[in-house]
Amino acid sequence: MRALVQRVSRAAVVVDGAPVASTGPGLLVLLGVTHDDDAAVADRLADKVAALRIFEDAEGRMNDALGDRDVLVVSQFTLYGDARRGNRPSFVAAARPEHAEPLYERFRARLDAAGGVFGAHMEVELVNDGPVTLLLEIAPRAPTS
């Protein structure tokens, strides 16, 4: 599972010209799901996002975690796009919607986050604060014997 995490002053999602979700100061998370991801991966990545110390503390240093700030999560299968060969990206590493959507919803719920419309064509507007942008990836744990 991959998350492109952006600290934002504000962010919003529009579908078919209608506002769907927005957030004030906090995070915009673009979330990609791959075939091997499961509930444990979604939980670990959500916990990692919540614990990131990327907000300024009272002394102006990036030392505070998410706390009670807002989060907006948008599904983004293109995070698993592969353009190493040719000019047209391959998306074979992206999970099928029936696998990805429940994990997207679980991730979103764990963060108590607003969200876009899964699978819809969305317009995402944001004002990156900093800018602060991090790419996180959590892989499923190998089975123990």
C-alpha atoms as a PDB file:
ATOM      1  CA  MET A   1       0.000   0.000   0.000  1.00  0.00           C
ATOM      2  CA  ARG A   2       1.301   3.434  -0.909  1.00  0.00           C
ATOM      3  CA  ALA A   3       0.341   6.809   0.470  1.00  0.00           C
ATOM      4  CA  LEU A   4       1.414  10.164  -0.873  1.00  0.00           C
ATOM      5  CA  VAL A   5       0.972  12.335   2.216  1.00  0.00           C
ATOM      6  CA  GLN A   6       0.787  16.091   1.850  1.00  0.00           C
ATOM      7  CA  ARG A   7       0.517  18.619   4.659  1.00  0.00           C
ATOM      8  CA  VAL A   8      -2.081  21.105   3.464  1.00  0.00           C
ATOM      9  CA  SER A   9      -3.580  24.423   4.448  1.00  0.00           C
ATOM     10  CA  ARG A  10      -6.713  23.223   2.690  1.00  0.00           C
ATOM     11  CA  ALA A  11      -7.824  20.573   0.216  1.00  0.00           C
ATOM     12  CA  ALA A  12     -11.074  19.705  -1.556  1.00  0.00           C
ATOM     13  CA  VAL A  13     -12.546  17.075  -3.870  1.00  0.00           C
ATOM     14  CA  VAL A  14     -15.137  17.790  -6.553  1.00  0.00           C
ATOM     15  CA  VAL A  15     -17.038  15.145  -8.570  1.00  0.00           C
ATOM     16  CA  ASP A  16     -19.201  16.148 -11.533  1.00  0.00           C
ATOM     17  CA  GLY A  17     -18.968  19.797 -10.510  1.00  0.00           C
ATOM     18  CA  ALA A  18     -20.246  19.150  -6.966  1.00  0.00           C
ATOM     19  CA  PRO A  19     -18.104  19.453  -3.832  1.00  0.00           C
ATOM     20  CA  VAL A  20     -17.727  16.062  -2.142  1.00  0.00           C
ATOM     21  CA  ALA A  21     -15.284  16.635   0.704  1.00  0.00           C
ATOM     22  CA  SER A  22     -12.873  19.226   2.008  1.00  0.00           C
ATOM     23  CA  THR A  23     -10.445  19.714   4.835  1.00  0.00           C
ATOM     24  CA  GLY A  24      -8.929  22.607   6.709  1.00  0.00           C
ATOM     25  CA  PRO A  25      -5.354  22.545   7.941  1.00  0.00           C
ATOM     26  CA  GLY A  26      -4.236  18.927   8.041  1.00  0.00           C
ATOM     27  CA  LEU A  27      -3.364  16.214   5.538  1.00  0.00           C
ATOM     28  CA  LEU A  28      -4.328  15.157   2.040  1.00  0.00           C
ATOM     29  CA  VAL A  29      -3.497  11.491   1.500  1.00  0.00           C
ATOM     30  CA  LEU A  30      -3.507   9.940  -1.971  1.00  0.00           C
ATOM     31  CA  LEU A  31      -3.815   6.193  -1.378  1.00  0.00           C
ATOM     32  CA  GLY A  32      -2.883   3.332  -3.693  1.00  0.00           C
ATOM     33  CA  VAL A  33      -3.621  -0.335  -3.030  1.00  0.00           C
ATOM     34  CA  THR A  34      -1.851  -3.342  -4.569  1.00  0.00           C
ATOM     35  CA  HIS A  35      -2.853  -7.013  -4.831  1.00  0.00           C
ATOM     36  CA  ASP A  36      -1.172  -8.350  -1.682  1.00  0.00           C
ATOM     37  CA  ASP A  37      -2.458  -5.630   0.658  1.00  0.00           C
ATOM     38  CA  ASP A  38      -4.768  -6.637   3.489  1.00  0.00           C
ATOM     39  CA  ALA A  39      -6.456  -5.147   6.555  1.00  0.00           C
ATOM     40  CA  ALA A  40      -3.248  -5.346   8.620  1.00  0.00           C
ATOM     41  CA  VAL A  41      -1.370  -3.329   5.997  1.00  0.00           C
ATOM     42  CA  ALA A  42      -4.127  -0.707   5.882  1.00  0.00           C
ATOM     43  CA  ASP A  43      -4.085  -0.400   9.668  1.00  0.00           C
ATOM     44  CA  ARG A  44      -0.281  -0.136   9.889  1.00  0.00           C
ATOM     45  CA  LEU A  45      -0.149   2.538   7.193  1.00  0.00           C
ATOM     46  CA  ALA A  46      -2.992   4.545   8.757  1.00  0.00           C
ATOM     47  CA  ASP A  47      -1.226   4.380  12.130  1.00  0.00           C
ATOM     48  CA  LYS A  48       2.023   5.534  10.498  1.00  0.00           C
ATOM     49  CA  VAL A  49       0.262   8.507   8.878  1.00  0.00           C
ATOM     50  CA  ALA A  50      -1.354   9.466  12.198  1.00  0.00           C
ATOM     51  CA  ALA A  51       2.008   9.295  13.991  1.00  0.00           C
ATOM     52  CA  LEU A  52       4.039  11.292  11.460  1.00  0.00           C
ATOM     53  CA  ARG A  53       5.597  14.277  13.195  1.00  0.00           C
ATOM     54  CA  ILE A  54       5.299  16.741  10.319  1.00  0.00           C
ATOM     55  CA  PHE A  55       3.407  19.613  11.954  1.00  0.00           C
ATOM     56  CA  GLU A  56       5.083  22.535  13.654  1.00  0.00           C
ATOM     57  CA  ASP A  57       5.218  22.571  17.432  1.00  0.00           C
ATOM     58  CA  ALA A  58       5.145  25.707  19.611  1.00  0.00           C
ATOM     59  CA  GLU A  59       8.786  26.359  18.743  1.00  0.00           C
ATOM     60  CA  GLY A  60       8.234  26.157  14.986  1.00  0.00           C
ATOM     61  CA  ARG A  61       9.900  22.753  14.505  1.00  0.00           C
ATOM     62  CA  MET A  62       8.304  19.835  12.670  1.00  0.00           C
ATOM     63  CA  ASN A  63       7.679  17.819  15.796  1.00  0.00           C
ATOM     64  CA  ASP A  64       3.900  17.401  16.198  1.00  0.00           C
ATOM     65  CA  ALA A  65       1.793  14.495  14.950  1.00  0.00           C
ATOM     66  CA  LEU A  66      -1.650  14.726  13.359  1.00  0.00           C
ATOM     67  CA  GLY A  67      -3.576  15.051  16.611  1.00  0.00           C
ATOM     68  CA  ASP A  68      -7.044  16.474  15.974  1.00  0.00           C
ATOM     69  CA  ARG A  69      -6.224  17.930  12.557  1.00  0.00           C
ATOM     70  CA  ASP A  70      -8.326  16.976   9.550  1.00  0.00           C
ATOM     71  CA  VAL A  71      -7.483  14.339   6.933  1.00  0.00           C
ATOM     72  CA  LEU A  72      -8.824  13.928   3.408  1.00  0.00           C
ATOM     73  CA  VAL A  73      -8.111  10.587   1.695  1.00  0.00           C
ATOM     74  CA  VAL A  74      -8.414  10.105  -2.075  1.00  0.00           C
ATOM     75  CA  SER A  75      -8.094   6.754  -3.828  1.00  0.00           C
ATOM     76  CA  GLN A  76      -5.257   6.880  -6.352  1.00  0.00           C
ATOM     77  CA  PHE A  77      -4.580   3.652  -8.270  1.00  0.00           C
ATOM     78  CA  THR A  78      -2.051   5.541 -10.423  1.00  0.00           C
ATOM     79  CA  LEU A  79       0.407   5.422  -7.495  1.00  0.00           C
ATOM     80  CA  TYR A  80       1.046   1.895  -8.775  1.00  0.00           C
ATOM     81  CA  GLY A  81       1.654   3.051 -12.334  1.00  0.00           C
ATOM     82  CA  ASP A  82       4.848   1.742 -13.904  1.00  0.00           C
ATOM     83  CA  ALA A  83       6.328   3.767 -16.759  1.00  0.00           C
ATOM     84  CA  ARG A  84       9.800   2.213 -16.811  1.00  0.00           C
ATOM     85  CA  ARG A  85       9.151   0.729 -20.247  1.00  0.00           C
ATOM     86  CA  GLY A  86       7.627   2.854 -22.956  1.00  0.00           C
ATOM     87  CA  ASN A  87       5.517   5.945 -22.486  1.00  0.00           C
ATOM     88  CA  ARG A  88       2.174   4.450 -21.485  1.00  0.00           C
ATOM     89  CA  PRO A  89       2.104   3.475 -17.805  1.00  0.00           C
ATOM     90  CA  SER A  90       1.065  -0.029 -16.836  1.00  0.00           C
ATOM     91  CA  PHE A  91      -1.271  -0.340 -13.868  1.00  0.00           C
ATOM     92  CA  VAL A  92      -1.097  -4.116 -13.401  1.00  0.00           C
ATOM     93  CA  ALA A  93       0.301  -3.660  -9.874  1.00  0.00           C
ATOM     94  CA  ALA A  94      -2.812  -1.744  -8.785  1.00  0.00           C
ATOM     95  CA  ALA A  95      -5.447  -3.833  -7.025  1.00  0.00           C
ATOM     96  CA  ARG A  96      -8.826  -4.412  -8.640  1.00  0.00           C
ATOM     97  CA  PRO A  97     -11.596  -2.170  -7.257  1.00  0.00           C
ATOM     98  CA  GLU A  98     -13.336  -5.008  -5.404  1.00  0.00           C
ATOM     99  CA  HIS A  99     -10.113  -5.607  -3.429  1.00  0.00           C
ATOM    100  CA  ALA A 100      -8.990  -1.978  -3.113  1.00  0.00           C
ATOM    101  CA  GLU A 101     -12.209  -0.255  -2.038  1.00  0.00           C
ATOM    102  CA  PRO A 102     -12.701  -2.068   1.299  1.00  0.00           C
ATOM    103  CA  LEU A 103      -9.056  -1.390   2.213  1.00  0.00           C
ATOM    104  CA  TYR A 104      -9.394   2.271   1.205  1.00  0.00           C
ATOM    105  CA  GLU A 105     -12.506   2.552   3.402  1.00  0.00           C
ATOM    106  CA  ARG A 106     -10.765   0.801   6.304  1.00  0.00           C
ATOM    107  CA  PHE A 107      -7.760   3.143   6.032  1.00  0.00           C
ATOM    108  CA  ARG A 108     -10.065   6.167   5.910  1.00  0.00           C
ATOM    109  CA  ALA A 109     -12.125   4.996   8.894  1.00  0.00           C
ATOM    110  CA  ARG A 110      -9.019   4.321  10.982  1.00  0.00           C
ATOM    111  CA  LEU A 111      -7.999   7.969  10.487  1.00  0.00           C
ATOM    112  CA  ASP A 112     -11.583   9.232  10.869  1.00  0.00           C
ATOM    113  CA  ALA A 113     -10.952  10.953   7.534  1.00  0.00           C
ATOM    114  CA  ALA A 114     -13.139  12.532   4.899  1.00  0.00           C
ATOM    115  CA  GLY A 115     -12.841  10.961   1.475  1.00  0.00           C
ATOM    116  CA  GLY A 116     -13.339  11.283  -2.216  1.00  0.00           C
ATOM    117  CA  VAL A 117     -15.613   9.000  -4.217  1.00  0.00           C
ATOM    118  CA  PHE A 118     -13.862   5.694  -4.835  1.00  0.00           C
ATOM    119  CA  GLY A 119     -13.424   5.030  -8.560  1.00  0.00           C
ATOM    120  CA  ALA A 120     -14.871   8.372  -9.663  1.00  0.00           C
ATOM    121  CA  HIS A 121     -13.158  10.929 -11.854  1.00  0.00           C
ATOM    122  CA  MET A 122     -12.301  13.595  -9.277  1.00  0.00           C
ATOM    123  CA  GLU A 123     -10.913  17.089  -9.269  1.00  0.00           C
ATOM    124  CA  VAL A 124      -8.577  17.460  -6.297  1.00  0.00           C
ATOM    125  CA  GLU A 125      -7.573  20.928  -5.223  1.00  0.00           C
ATOM    126  CA  LEU A 126      -4.976  21.557  -2.542  1.00  0.00           C
ATOM    127  CA  VAL A 127      -2.698  24.140  -1.046  1.00  0.00           C
ATOM    128  CA  ASN A 128       0.419  22.303   0.102  1.00  0.00           C
ATOM    129  CA  ASP A 129       1.736  23.741   3.368  1.00  0.00           C
ATOM    130  CA  GLY A 130       5.507  23.927   3.483  1.00  0.00           C
ATOM    131  CA  PRO A 131       5.564  22.228   1.043  1.00  0.00           C
ATOM    132  CA  VAL A 132       5.652  18.953   2.924  1.00  0.00           C
ATOM    133  CA  THR A 133       5.107  15.797   0.847  1.00  0.00           C
ATOM    134  CA  LEU A 134       6.101  12.245   1.798  1.00  0.00           C
ATOM    135  CA  LEU A 135       5.717   8.947  -0.028  1.00  0.00           C
ATOM    136  CA  LEU A 136       5.069   6.062   2.371  1.00  0.00           C
ATOM    137  CA  GLU A 137       4.833   2.392   1.519  1.00  0.00           C
ATOM    138  CA  ILE A 138       3.931  -0.577   3.722  1.00  0.00           C
ATOM    139  CA  ALA A 139       4.221  -4.113   2.379  1.00  0.00           C
ATOM    140  CA  PRO A 140       2.470  -7.147   3.824  1.00  0.00           C
ATOM    141  CA  ARG A 141       4.541  -8.960   6.421  1.00  0.00           C
ATOM    142  CA  ALA A 142       5.997 -12.271   5.370  1.00  0.00           C
ATOM    143  CA  PRO A 143       4.343 -15.245   7.045  1.00  0.00           C
ATOM    144  CA  THR A 144       6.229 -16.587  10.031  1.00  0.00           C
ATOM    145  CA  SER A 145       6.935 -20.268  10.341  1.00  0.00           C
END
